[in-house]
Amino acid sequence: MANEHRIYVGGSWIESEGTTTLDVHDSSNGQVFASIVLGTASDIDKAVAAAREAFVGWSTRPVEERAALMDEVADGLEARVGELATIITRETGMPRWMSERIQVTLAVGDFRAAAAVARSFSFEEELGNSLIVREAAGVVGCITPWNYPLHQIAAKVAYAMAAGCTVVLKPSEVAPLDALVLAEVIDEVGLPAGVFNLVTGTGPEVGAAIASHPGVDVVSFTGSERAGQLVAELASQTLARVSLELGGKSPNLLLDDLDDATFERAVRAGVGRCFLNSGQTCLALTRMLVPRARLAEAEAVAADEVARKYVPADPFADRVRLGPLASAAQVERVTAYVRTGIEEGAKVVAGGLDRPADVDPGGFYVAPTVFSEVRNDMTIAQEEIFGPVLSILPYDDEEEAVAIANDTPYGLGGGVWSADPERALAVARRLRAGQVEVNGGAFNPDAPFGGYKRSGYGREYGVFGFEEFLQVKALQR
């Protein structure tokens, strides 16, 4: 890429103050296929200054003009869908055909959805003798992860810019190249200089500089719980508003009234919801709760589903469902959790510690693993693994199932299956989580997304995500 060793600030590709580069590795073979420059705090100073200078003009620009530009960015991304899908597969390990349908398509949809929300949003309302005005919050610092890199950038950047904010983005250093393509598209579209700025680099350097910068009004972060705590601590120094989307350990409750066919379908669907993107999904349904009397049945179906569909393979091959992990560090992390599960007495139903066969020896592959007879006090039931590892936990009655489901520090997602839709909804209401799938309900990119407890605070997507980037003013008359 022409711009991989530069940063995008003030409407131009410029040289970074940093002099060090970082290699980007291909997940499928471990080889270096690109490198980026590691930006500095000085680069962030420049980016924030550019964003602040652009803010007044951009925030007062007619809403329709901002929305139209978001649609143009979506068009530009759509024109490069093949290139982006290939890049993201190399960065993250998601199978190439899925990257096109999920990773890039969601990002394109984010820009279109943000435009639509901006067009329909009521920025003013009457309340007694007051005019309530919602206006752009200011400069937004976006710090994004590597697992759905372009989508999670777009979920922040598109809504912030559509709302009238200007942006400084730090993409993940593990998966930064798709962000550079986005910057190229934005440059070609011709957004005003300073509305969008991008500085590549590490969290301790560039991320910390964004979170602590006095010129940043809102910090939007997605990543680990530990990193989110550090971001919130740094942002507290300037009292910047913070939105955090952190980890998850989502339960999937299969209730005791399912017939055999539906139970099998629910188990198979649950394996898929755990293993999507090699388990590198914050909403992954990683804890499957089943009636104790049906534990053996769940084990057999889950093992069969893994053998049929989730054999690790080259992510560029046709119809592959499970590719590699994103990095060597992820392989070490996931392997350590599998070893811990075995040591703590969980039953291995599929997978384990053996390296998958018939894959590139340099690639970042692990065996998809299903544990059963898992207790909720085990490490693998409490901590986010972020890999293709499913825990099956037995329960004796509905009350115990709900108690187990909520007995976690996280509260991002969940799932409930029941033969009775009203019962499923009633149980879903009792789960302490930001999103719950009912009988396999599909992901809705317009619904509010965010968590309870240590999964963070704030919401993304749709009107709720749009409002994260607005301030509220009352004008008394």
Protein backbone atom coordinates (compact mmCIF):
# COMPACT_ATOMS: atom_id res chain seq x y z
CA MET A 1 0.00 0.00 0.00
CA ALA A 2 1.22 3.46 -0.87
CA ASN A 3 0.32 5.01 2.48
CA GLU A 4 1.19 2.32 5.00
CA HIS A 5 4.13 4.30 6.41
CA ARG A 6 2.25 7.59 6.68
CA ILE A 7 -0.54 9.00 8.80
CA TYR A 8 -3.60 10.94 7.66
CA VAL A 9 -3.94 14.33 9.37
CA GLY A 10 -5.67 17.51 8.32
CA GLY A 11 -6.81 16.13 4.99
CA SER A 12 -3.35 14.98 3.85
CA TRP A 13 -1.04 11.99 4.07
CA ILE A 14 1.95 13.19 6.08
CA GLU A 15 5.08 11.74 7.61
CA SER A 16 4.80 10.62 11.21
CA GLU A 17 7.05 11.92 13.95
CA GLY A 18 7.74 8.27 14.68
CA THR A 19 10.69 6.52 13.11
CA THR A 20 9.84 2.92 14.02
CA THR A 21 7.76 0.53 11.96
CA LEU A 22 5.80 -2.55 12.98
CA ASP A 23 5.29 -5.66 10.85
CA VAL A 24 1.79 -6.91 10.04
CA HIS A 25 1.54 -10.70 9.81
CA ASP A 26 -0.64 -12.84 7.55
CA SER A 27 -2.74 -15.00 9.86
CA SER A 28 -2.85 -17.90 7.40
CA ASN A 29 0.91 -18.42 7.15
CA GLY A 30 2.57 -16.17 9.73
CA GLN A 31 4.51 -14.26 7.10
CA VAL A 32 4.99 -10.49 7.13
CA PHE A 33 2.90 -8.94 4.38
CA ALA A 34 3.01 -5.26 5.33
CA SER A 35 4.25 -2.82 7.95
CA ILE A 36 3.03 0.41 9.49
CA VAL A 37 4.64 3.36 11.15
CA LEU A 38 4.31 3.62 14.92
CA GLY A 39 2.95 7.09 15.56
CA THR A 40 3.70 9.28 18.57
CA ALA A 41 1.98 11.57 21.03
CA SER A 42 3.19 14.48 18.87
CA ASP A 43 1.26 13.01 15.95
CA ILE A 44 -1.86 12.95 18.12
CA ASP A 45 -1.30 16.61 19.01
CA LYS A 46 -1.36 17.44 15.29
CA ALA A 47 -4.39 15.28 14.64
CA VAL A 48 -6.39 16.77 17.52
CA ALA A 49 -5.46 20.31 16.44
CA ALA A 50 -6.69 19.54 12.92
CA ALA A 51 -9.90 18.02 14.28
CA ARG A 52 -10.58 21.01 16.51
CA GLU A 53 -9.99 23.44 13.67
CA ALA A 54 -12.42 21.55 11.45
CA PHE A 55 -15.11 21.12 14.10
CA VAL A 56 -16.99 24.41 13.85
CA GLY A 57 -17.41 24.23 10.11
CA TRP A 58 -18.32 20.55 10.06
CA SER A 59 -20.74 20.65 13.01
CA THR A 60 -22.69 23.54 11.45
CA ARG A 61 -22.77 22.02 7.99
CA PRO A 62 -26.31 21.05 6.92
CA VAL A 63 -27.23 17.57 8.08
CA GLU A 64 -28.15 16.45 4.59
CA GLU A 65 -24.67 17.34 3.33
CA ARG A 66 -22.99 15.35 6.11
CA ALA A 67 -25.30 12.41 5.43
CA ALA A 68 -24.62 12.53 1.70
CA LEU A 69 -20.88 12.37 2.34
CA MET A 70 -21.35 9.33 4.58
CA ASP A 71 -23.20 7.65 1.72
CA GLU A 72 -20.30 8.50 -0.60
CA VAL A 73 -17.86 6.87 1.81
CA ALA A 74 -20.06 3.78 1.80
CA ASP A 75 -19.97 3.78 -2.01
CA GLY A 76 -16.19 4.06 -1.94
CA LEU A 77 -15.82 1.13 0.45
CA GLU A 78 -18.23 -0.93 -1.61
CA ALA A 79 -16.11 -0.33 -4.70
CA ARG A 80 -13.13 -1.87 -2.90
CA VAL A 81 -14.95 -4.74 -1.21
CA GLY A 82 -12.75 -7.46 -2.71
CA GLU A 83 -9.52 -5.76 -1.70
CA LEU A 84 -10.80 -5.05 1.79
CA ALA A 85 -12.06 -8.60 2.32
CA THR A 86 -8.67 -10.01 1.36
CA ILE A 87 -6.84 -7.62 3.67
CA ILE A 88 -9.13 -8.38 6.62
CA THR A 89 -8.82 -12.12 6.12
CA ARG A 90 -5.05 -11.82 6.21
CA GLU A 91 -5.27 -9.60 9.31
CA THR A 92 -7.85 -11.54 11.35
CA GLY A 93 -8.16 -15.07 9.94
CA MET A 94 -11.87 -14.91 9.08
CA PRO A 95 -12.55 -16.96 5.93
CA ARG A 96 -12.38 -14.78 2.83
CA TRP A 97 -15.98 -15.29 1.75
CA MET A 98 -17.17 -14.40 5.24
CA SER A 99 -14.99 -11.30 5.36
CA GLU A 100 -16.73 -10.03 2.27
CA ARG A 101 -20.23 -10.82 3.54
CA ILE A 102 -19.70 -9.82 7.16
CA GLN A 103 -16.64 -7.69 7.79
CA VAL A 104 -16.92 -5.33 4.82
CA THR A 105 -20.68 -5.44 4.34
CA LEU A 106 -21.28 -4.44 7.96
CA ALA A 107 -18.87 -1.50 7.63
CA VAL A 108 -20.59 -0.29 4.46
CA GLY A 109 -23.90 -0.63 6.26
CA ASP A 110 -22.63 1.41 9.20
CA PHE A 111 -21.97 4.42 6.98
CA ARG A 112 -25.36 4.10 5.28
CA ALA A 113 -27.15 3.62 8.60
CA ALA A 114 -25.41 6.64 10.14
CA ALA A 115 -26.52 8.75 7.18
CA ALA A 116 -30.10 7.54 7.55
CA VAL A 117 -30.19 8.25 11.28
CA ALA A 118 -28.80 11.75 10.77
CA ARG A 119 -31.48 12.52 8.17
CA SER A 120 -34.35 11.40 10.42
CA PHE A 121 -33.03 12.55 13.81
CA SER A 122 -34.84 15.34 15.69
CA PHE A 123 -32.11 17.67 16.87
CA GLU A 124 -34.57 20.08 18.56
CA GLU A 125 -37.73 19.74 20.65
CA GLU A 126 -39.95 21.97 22.75
CA LEU A 127 -40.23 21.36 26.50
CA GLY A 128 -42.29 23.98 28.32
CA ASN A 129 -40.52 27.29 27.86
CA SER A 130 -37.30 25.56 26.76
CA LEU A 131 -35.95 24.63 23.39
CA ILE A 132 -33.95 21.41 23.84
CA VAL A 133 -31.10 21.26 21.35
CA ARG A 134 -28.89 18.30 20.61
CA GLU A 135 -25.58 19.25 19.04
CA ALA A 136 -22.28 17.62 18.16
CA ALA A 137 -20.16 16.82 21.22
CA GLY A 138 -16.81 17.86 19.72
CA VAL A 139 -13.66 15.95 18.86
CA VAL A 140 -14.03 12.18 19.23
CA GLY A 141 -11.06 9.90 19.85
CA CYS A 142 -11.73 6.40 18.51
CA ILE A 143 -9.60 3.44 19.63
CA THR A 144 -10.59 0.22 17.89
CA PRO A 145 -9.76 -3.51 18.03
CA TRP A 146 -8.59 -6.07 15.49
CA ASN A 147 -11.31 -8.73 15.42
CA TYR A 148 -13.86 -6.85 13.28
CA PRO A 149 -11.50 -4.03 12.43
CA LEU A 150 -13.29 -2.06 9.72
CA HIS A 151 -16.79 -2.62 11.09
CA GLN A 152 -15.84 -1.46 14.57
CA ILE A 153 -14.13 1.59 13.13
CA ALA A 154 -17.19 2.43 11.05
CA ALA A 155 -19.56 1.91 13.98
CA LYS A 156 -17.78 4.78 15.74
CA VAL A 157 -16.44 7.01 12.97
CA ALA A 158 -19.53 7.03 10.73
CA TYR A 159 -21.94 7.91 13.53
CA ALA A 160 -19.60 10.50 15.05
CA MET A 161 -19.07 12.30 11.75
CA ALA A 162 -22.74 12.09 10.77
CA ALA A 163 -23.58 13.69 14.13
CA GLY A 164 -21.25 16.60 13.35
CA CYS A 165 -18.20 15.54 15.33
CA THR A 166 -14.66 15.36 14.02
CA VAL A 167 -12.56 12.27 14.59
CA VAL A 168 -9.09 11.08 15.53
CA LEU A 169 -8.74 7.32 14.97
CA LYS A 170 -6.21 4.82 16.25
CA PRO A 171 -6.85 1.43 14.65
CA SER A 172 -5.43 -1.77 16.09
CA GLU A 173 -1.80 -2.31 15.22
CA VAL A 174 -2.62 -5.98 14.62
CA ALA A 175 -5.12 -5.15 11.85
CA PRO A 176 -4.42 -1.60 10.63
CA LEU A 177 -4.43 -1.89 6.85
CA ASP A 178 -8.19 -1.79 6.34
CA ALA A 179 -8.21 1.54 8.22
CA LEU A 180 -5.67 2.94 5.76
CA VAL A 181 -7.97 1.96 2.90
CA LEU A 182 -10.83 3.76 4.67
CA ALA A 183 -8.64 6.87 4.93
CA GLU A 184 -7.91 6.65 1.20
CA VAL A 185 -11.63 6.44 0.46
CA ILE A 186 -12.37 9.42 2.73
CA ASP A 187 -9.62 11.38 1.01
CA GLU A 188 -11.06 10.57 -2.42
CA VAL A 189 -14.58 11.54 -1.31
CA GLY A 190 -13.24 14.91 -0.22
CA LEU A 191 -14.38 15.34 3.35
CA PRO A 192 -13.22 18.70 4.68
CA ALA A 193 -9.66 18.67 6.01
CA GLY A 194 -9.48 17.63 9.65
CA VAL A 195 -12.88 15.96 9.89
CA PHE A 196 -11.20 12.54 9.83
CA ASN A 197 -7.68 11.90 11.08
CA LEU A 198 -5.80 8.61 11.46
CA VAL A 199 -2.65 7.83 13.42
CA THR A 200 -1.34 4.26 13.52
CA GLY A 201 0.54 3.01 16.54
CA THR A 202 0.33 1.16 19.82
CA GLY A 203 -2.10 1.53 22.69
CA PRO A 204 0.47 2.59 25.29
CA GLU A 205 1.72 5.38 23.02
CA VAL A 206 -0.99 6.54 20.61
CA GLY A 207 -4.04 5.20 22.45
CA ALA A 208 -2.93 6.75 25.73
CA ALA A 209 -2.25 10.07 24.00
CA ILE A 210 -5.81 10.12 22.64
CA ALA A 211 -7.44 9.11 25.92
CA SER A 212 -5.59 11.75 27.96
CA HIS A 213 -5.62 14.60 25.43
CA PRO A 214 -7.28 17.80 26.69
CA GLY A 215 -8.52 18.53 23.17
CA VAL A 216 -10.58 15.33 22.96
CA ASP A 217 -14.19 15.65 24.10
CA VAL A 218 -15.35 12.04 23.75
CA VAL A 219 -13.37 8.80 23.82
CA SER A 220 -14.95 5.74 22.22
CA PHE A 221 -13.05 2.52 22.93
CA THR A 222 -13.55 -1.12 22.05
CA GLY A 223 -11.16 -3.75 23.41
CA SER A 224 -10.21 -5.66 26.52
CA GLU A 225 -11.46 -4.92 30.00
CA ARG A 226 -7.97 -4.08 31.25
CA ALA A 227 -7.29 -1.64 28.42
CA GLY A 228 -10.73 -0.10 28.88
CA GLN A 229 -10.00 0.57 32.53
CA LEU A 230 -6.79 2.36 31.56
CA VAL A 231 -8.60 4.43 28.93
CA ALA A 232 -11.27 5.47 31.43
CA GLU A 233 -8.63 6.37 34.00
CA LEU A 234 -6.70 8.52 31.53
CA ALA A 235 -9.83 10.22 30.21
CA SER A 236 -10.91 11.07 33.75
CA GLN A 237 -8.00 13.52 33.92
CA THR A 238 -9.75 15.77 31.41
CA LEU A 239 -13.31 14.65 32.24
CA ALA A 240 -13.86 13.59 28.65
CA ARG A 241 -16.93 11.48 28.10
CA VAL A 242 -16.10 7.81 27.61
CA SER A 243 -17.88 4.94 25.89
CA LEU A 244 -16.49 1.45 26.47
CA GLU A 245 -17.34 -1.80 24.70
CA LEU A 246 -15.33 -4.47 26.47
CA GLY A 247 -15.33 -8.22 26.99
CA GLY A 248 -18.04 -10.84 27.06
CA LYS A 249 -18.74 -14.33 28.38
CA SER A 250 -22.17 -14.78 26.93
CA PRO A 251 -24.51 -17.59 28.08
CA ASN A 252 -26.77 -19.55 25.74
CA LEU A 253 -29.69 -21.15 27.62
CA LEU A 254 -31.39 -24.15 26.04
CA LEU A 255 -34.51 -24.61 28.15
CA ASP A 256 -36.05 -27.94 29.09
CA ASP A 257 -39.10 -27.81 26.80
CA LEU A 258 -37.35 -28.21 23.44
CA ASP A 259 -38.25 -31.23 21.31
CA ASP A 260 -35.42 -33.38 19.96
CA ALA A 261 -35.20 -31.68 16.57
CA THR A 262 -35.23 -28.15 18.00
CA PHE A 263 -32.73 -29.07 20.68
CA GLU A 264 -30.34 -30.40 18.03
CA ARG A 265 -30.85 -27.27 15.93
CA ALA A 266 -30.18 -25.06 18.95
CA VAL A 267 -26.95 -26.90 19.82
CA ARG A 268 -25.70 -26.70 16.24
CA ALA A 269 -26.59 -23.02 16.01
CA GLY A 270 -24.89 -22.42 19.36
CA VAL A 271 -21.64 -23.96 18.14
CA GLY A 272 -21.76 -21.62 15.18
CA ARG A 273 -22.43 -18.60 17.39
CA CYS A 274 -19.41 -19.53 19.47
CA PHE A 275 -17.01 -20.28 16.61
CA LEU A 276 -17.80 -17.40 14.22
CA ASN A 277 -14.56 -15.62 13.30
CA SER A 278 -12.64 -18.39 15.09
CA GLY A 279 -14.29 -17.35 18.34
CA GLN A 280 -12.79 -13.87 18.06
CA THR A 281 -16.14 -12.20 18.67
CA CYS A 282 -17.08 -10.30 21.80
CA LEU A 283 -20.72 -11.45 21.51
CA ALA A 284 -19.76 -15.11 21.06
CA LEU A 285 -22.08 -17.47 22.94
CA THR A 286 -19.27 -19.27 24.74
CA ARG A 287 -21.28 -20.87 27.59
CA MET A 288 -23.99 -23.30 26.49
CA LEU A 289 -26.35 -24.19 29.37
CA VAL A 290 -28.34 -27.41 28.87
CA PRO A 291 -30.63 -29.54 31.09
CA ARG A 292 -28.52 -32.07 32.96
CA ALA A 293 -30.56 -34.96 31.53
CA ARG A 294 -29.62 -33.85 27.99
CA LEU A 295 -25.91 -33.24 28.58
CA ALA A 296 -24.76 -36.33 26.68
CA GLU A 297 -27.05 -35.44 23.79
CA ALA A 298 -25.61 -31.92 23.64
CA GLU A 299 -22.07 -33.32 23.70
CA ALA A 300 -22.76 -35.67 20.79
CA VAL A 301 -24.39 -32.99 18.63
CA ALA A 302 -21.69 -30.40 19.36
CA ALA A 303 -18.89 -32.86 18.54
CA ASP A 304 -20.63 -33.82 15.31
CA GLU A 305 -21.10 -30.17 14.32
CA VAL A 306 -17.41 -29.45 14.89
CA ALA A 307 -16.37 -32.47 12.82
CA ARG A 308 -18.74 -31.53 9.99
CA LYS A 309 -18.21 -27.80 9.68
CA TYR A 310 -15.40 -26.47 11.82
CA VAL A 311 -12.23 -28.13 10.58
CA PRO A 312 -9.46 -25.48 10.53
CA ALA A 313 -8.34 -24.71 6.99
CA ASP A 314 -6.83 -22.08 4.70
CA PRO A 315 -9.20 -19.09 5.00
CA PHE A 316 -8.90 -18.45 1.27
CA ALA A 317 -10.27 -21.87 0.37
CA ASP A 318 -13.89 -22.26 -0.76
CA ARG A 319 -16.60 -22.38 1.90
CA VAL A 320 -14.22 -22.76 4.83
CA ARG A 321 -15.92 -21.92 8.14
CA LEU A 322 -12.94 -21.84 10.50
CA GLY A 323 -9.67 -20.14 9.69
CA PRO A 324 -6.71 -19.22 11.90
CA LEU A 325 -6.54 -16.80 14.79
CA ALA A 326 -5.26 -13.28 14.24
CA SER A 327 -1.82 -13.61 15.82
CA ALA A 328 0.73 -15.82 17.48
CA ALA A 329 -0.17 -14.14 20.78
CA GLN A 330 -3.77 -15.31 20.35
CA VAL A 331 -2.60 -18.87 19.76
CA GLU A 332 -0.67 -18.77 23.03
CA ARG A 333 -3.64 -17.27 24.89
CA VAL A 334 -6.21 -19.77 23.62
CA THR A 335 -3.90 -22.74 24.09
CA ALA A 336 -3.25 -21.69 27.68
CA TYR A 337 -6.99 -21.58 28.39
CA VAL A 338 -7.54 -25.02 26.85
CA ARG A 339 -4.75 -26.40 29.03
CA THR A 340 -6.31 -24.76 32.08
CA GLY A 341 -9.70 -26.27 31.28
CA ILE A 342 -8.17 -29.73 31.13
CA GLU A 343 -6.25 -29.20 34.36
CA GLU A 344 -9.38 -27.99 36.17
CA GLY A 345 -11.25 -31.15 35.22
CA ALA A 346 -13.47 -30.17 32.30
CA LYS A 347 -14.29 -32.98 29.87
CA VAL A 348 -12.89 -32.59 26.34
CA VAL A 349 -15.61 -33.44 23.84
CA ALA A 350 -13.81 -32.17 20.73
CA GLY A 351 -10.44 -30.65 19.98
CA GLY A 352 -7.86 -30.10 22.69
CA LEU A 353 -4.20 -29.19 22.66
CA ASP A 354 -3.09 -30.93 19.46
CA ARG A 355 -2.30 -28.60 16.58
CA PRO A 356 -4.67 -28.99 13.61
CA ALA A 357 -3.41 -31.09 10.70
CA ASP A 358 -3.30 -30.10 7.05
CA VAL A 359 -2.78 -26.37 7.64
CA ASP A 360 0.17 -24.11 6.96
CA PRO A 361 2.67 -24.72 9.78
CA GLY A 362 3.37 -21.01 10.04
CA GLY A 363 -0.29 -20.03 10.36
CA PHE A 364 -1.98 -19.12 13.62
CA TYR A 365 -4.21 -22.18 13.96
CA VAL A 366 -5.71 -23.91 17.00
CA ALA A 367 -8.07 -26.85 17.27
CA PRO A 368 -11.70 -25.89 17.86
CA THR A 369 -12.49 -27.23 21.31
CA VAL A 370 -15.69 -28.20 23.11
CA PHE A 371 -15.63 -28.79 26.87
CA SER A 372 -18.44 -30.41 28.83
CA GLU A 373 -19.17 -30.98 32.52
CA VAL A 374 -17.99 -27.42 33.04
CA ARG A 375 -18.70 -25.74 36.37
CA ASN A 376 -19.27 -22.03 36.42
CA ASP A 377 -16.42 -21.50 38.87
CA MET A 378 -13.89 -22.86 36.35
CA THR A 379 -11.57 -20.40 34.63
CA ILE A 380 -12.88 -21.30 31.17
CA ALA A 381 -16.42 -20.42 32.30
CA GLN A 382 -15.51 -17.03 33.78
CA GLU A 383 -12.80 -15.50 31.61
CA GLU A 384 -13.04 -14.37 28.00
CA ILE A 385 -10.93 -16.71 25.87
CA PHE A 386 -11.47 -15.08 22.45
CA GLY A 387 -10.93 -18.26 20.50
CA PRO A 388 -12.92 -21.30 19.29
CA VAL A 389 -13.61 -22.78 22.73
CA LEU A 390 -17.12 -23.72 23.86
CA SER A 391 -18.07 -24.68 27.42
CA ILE A 392 -21.20 -26.80 28.00
CA LEU A 393 -22.65 -26.45 31.51
CA PRO A 394 -25.48 -28.61 32.91
CA TYR A 395 -28.30 -27.21 35.04
CA ASP A 396 -31.19 -28.74 36.99
CA ASP A 397 -33.99 -26.17 36.63
CA GLU A 398 -34.74 -22.77 35.13
CA GLU A 399 -33.85 -20.84 38.27
CA GLU A 400 -30.42 -22.43 38.37
CA ALA A 401 -29.94 -21.79 34.64
CA VAL A 402 -30.63 -18.07 35.06
CA ALA A 403 -28.39 -17.90 38.12
CA ILE A 404 -25.51 -19.57 36.24
CA ALA A 405 -26.06 -17.32 33.22
CA ASN A 406 -25.80 -14.17 35.32
CA ASP A 407 -22.90 -15.43 37.45
CA THR A 408 -20.19 -13.74 35.41
CA PRO A 409 -18.42 -10.40 35.58
CA TYR A 410 -19.57 -9.66 32.02
CA GLY A 411 -22.94 -8.77 30.53
CA LEU A 412 -22.57 -8.19 26.81
CA GLY A 413 -24.77 -10.81 25.15
CA GLY A 414 -26.74 -13.98 25.60
CA GLY A 415 -29.17 -16.40 24.04
CA VAL A 416 -32.35 -18.25 25.07
CA TRP A 417 -34.12 -21.14 23.34
CA SER A 418 -37.60 -22.37 24.33
CA ALA A 419 -40.56 -24.06 22.66
CA ASP A 420 -42.67 -21.28 24.16
CA PRO A 421 -41.73 -17.87 22.69
CA GLU A 422 -43.22 -16.04 25.67
CA ARG A 423 -41.22 -18.15 28.11
CA ALA A 424 -38.07 -17.46 26.07
CA LEU A 425 -38.75 -13.72 26.26
CA ALA A 426 -39.43 -13.90 30.00
CA VAL A 427 -36.10 -15.63 30.62
CA ALA A 428 -34.30 -13.25 28.25
CA ARG A 429 -35.58 -10.31 30.31
CA ARG A 430 -33.90 -11.83 33.39
CA LEU A 431 -30.44 -11.96 31.81
CA ARG A 432 -28.15 -9.12 32.78
CA ALA A 433 -26.86 -8.44 29.27
CA GLY A 434 -27.09 -5.75 26.63
CA GLN A 435 -28.30 -8.05 23.84
CA VAL A 436 -30.07 -11.41 24.01
CA GLU A 437 -30.90 -13.63 21.03
CA VAL A 438 -34.31 -15.27 21.43
CA ASN A 439 -34.71 -18.59 19.60
CA GLY A 440 -31.84 -17.73 17.28
CA GLY A 441 -32.88 -14.15 16.55
CA ALA A 442 -30.53 -12.52 14.04
CA PHE A 443 -28.07 -9.75 14.83
CA ASN A 444 -29.63 -6.34 14.19
CA PRO A 445 -27.08 -3.65 13.24
CA ASP A 446 -29.59 -0.90 14.06
CA ALA A 447 -30.29 -2.10 17.61
CA PRO A 448 -28.30 -0.63 20.52
CA PHE A 449 -25.11 -2.57 21.19
CA GLY A 450 -23.26 -2.51 24.49
CA GLY A 451 -22.99 -4.21 27.83
CA TYR A 452 -23.78 -4.44 31.52
CA LYS A 453 -21.23 -4.83 34.31
CA ARG A 454 -17.61 -5.20 33.15
CA SER A 455 -18.65 -5.34 29.52
CA GLY A 456 -18.59 -1.55 29.62
CA TYR A 457 -21.00 1.35 29.21
CA GLY A 458 -22.41 3.36 26.36
CA ARG A 459 -24.11 2.05 23.23
CA GLU A 460 -23.28 1.80 19.54
CA TYR A 461 -25.40 1.55 16.34
CA GLY A 462 -28.64 3.20 15.35
CA VAL A 463 -30.17 6.13 17.18
CA PHE A 464 -28.60 5.05 20.50
CA GLY A 465 -25.11 5.06 18.98
CA PHE A 466 -25.75 8.40 17.30
CA GLU A 467 -26.73 10.00 20.61
CA GLU A 468 -23.38 9.00 22.15
CA PHE A 469 -21.81 11.78 20.07
CA LEU A 470 -24.26 14.55 20.97
CA GLN A 471 -24.51 17.05 23.79
CA VAL A 472 -27.86 18.32 25.12
CA LYS A 473 -28.51 22.05 25.59
CA ALA A 474 -31.59 23.77 27.03
CA LEU A 475 -32.47 27.24 25.74
CA GLN A 476 -34.91 28.97 28.12
CA ARG A 477 -37.29 31.46 26.52
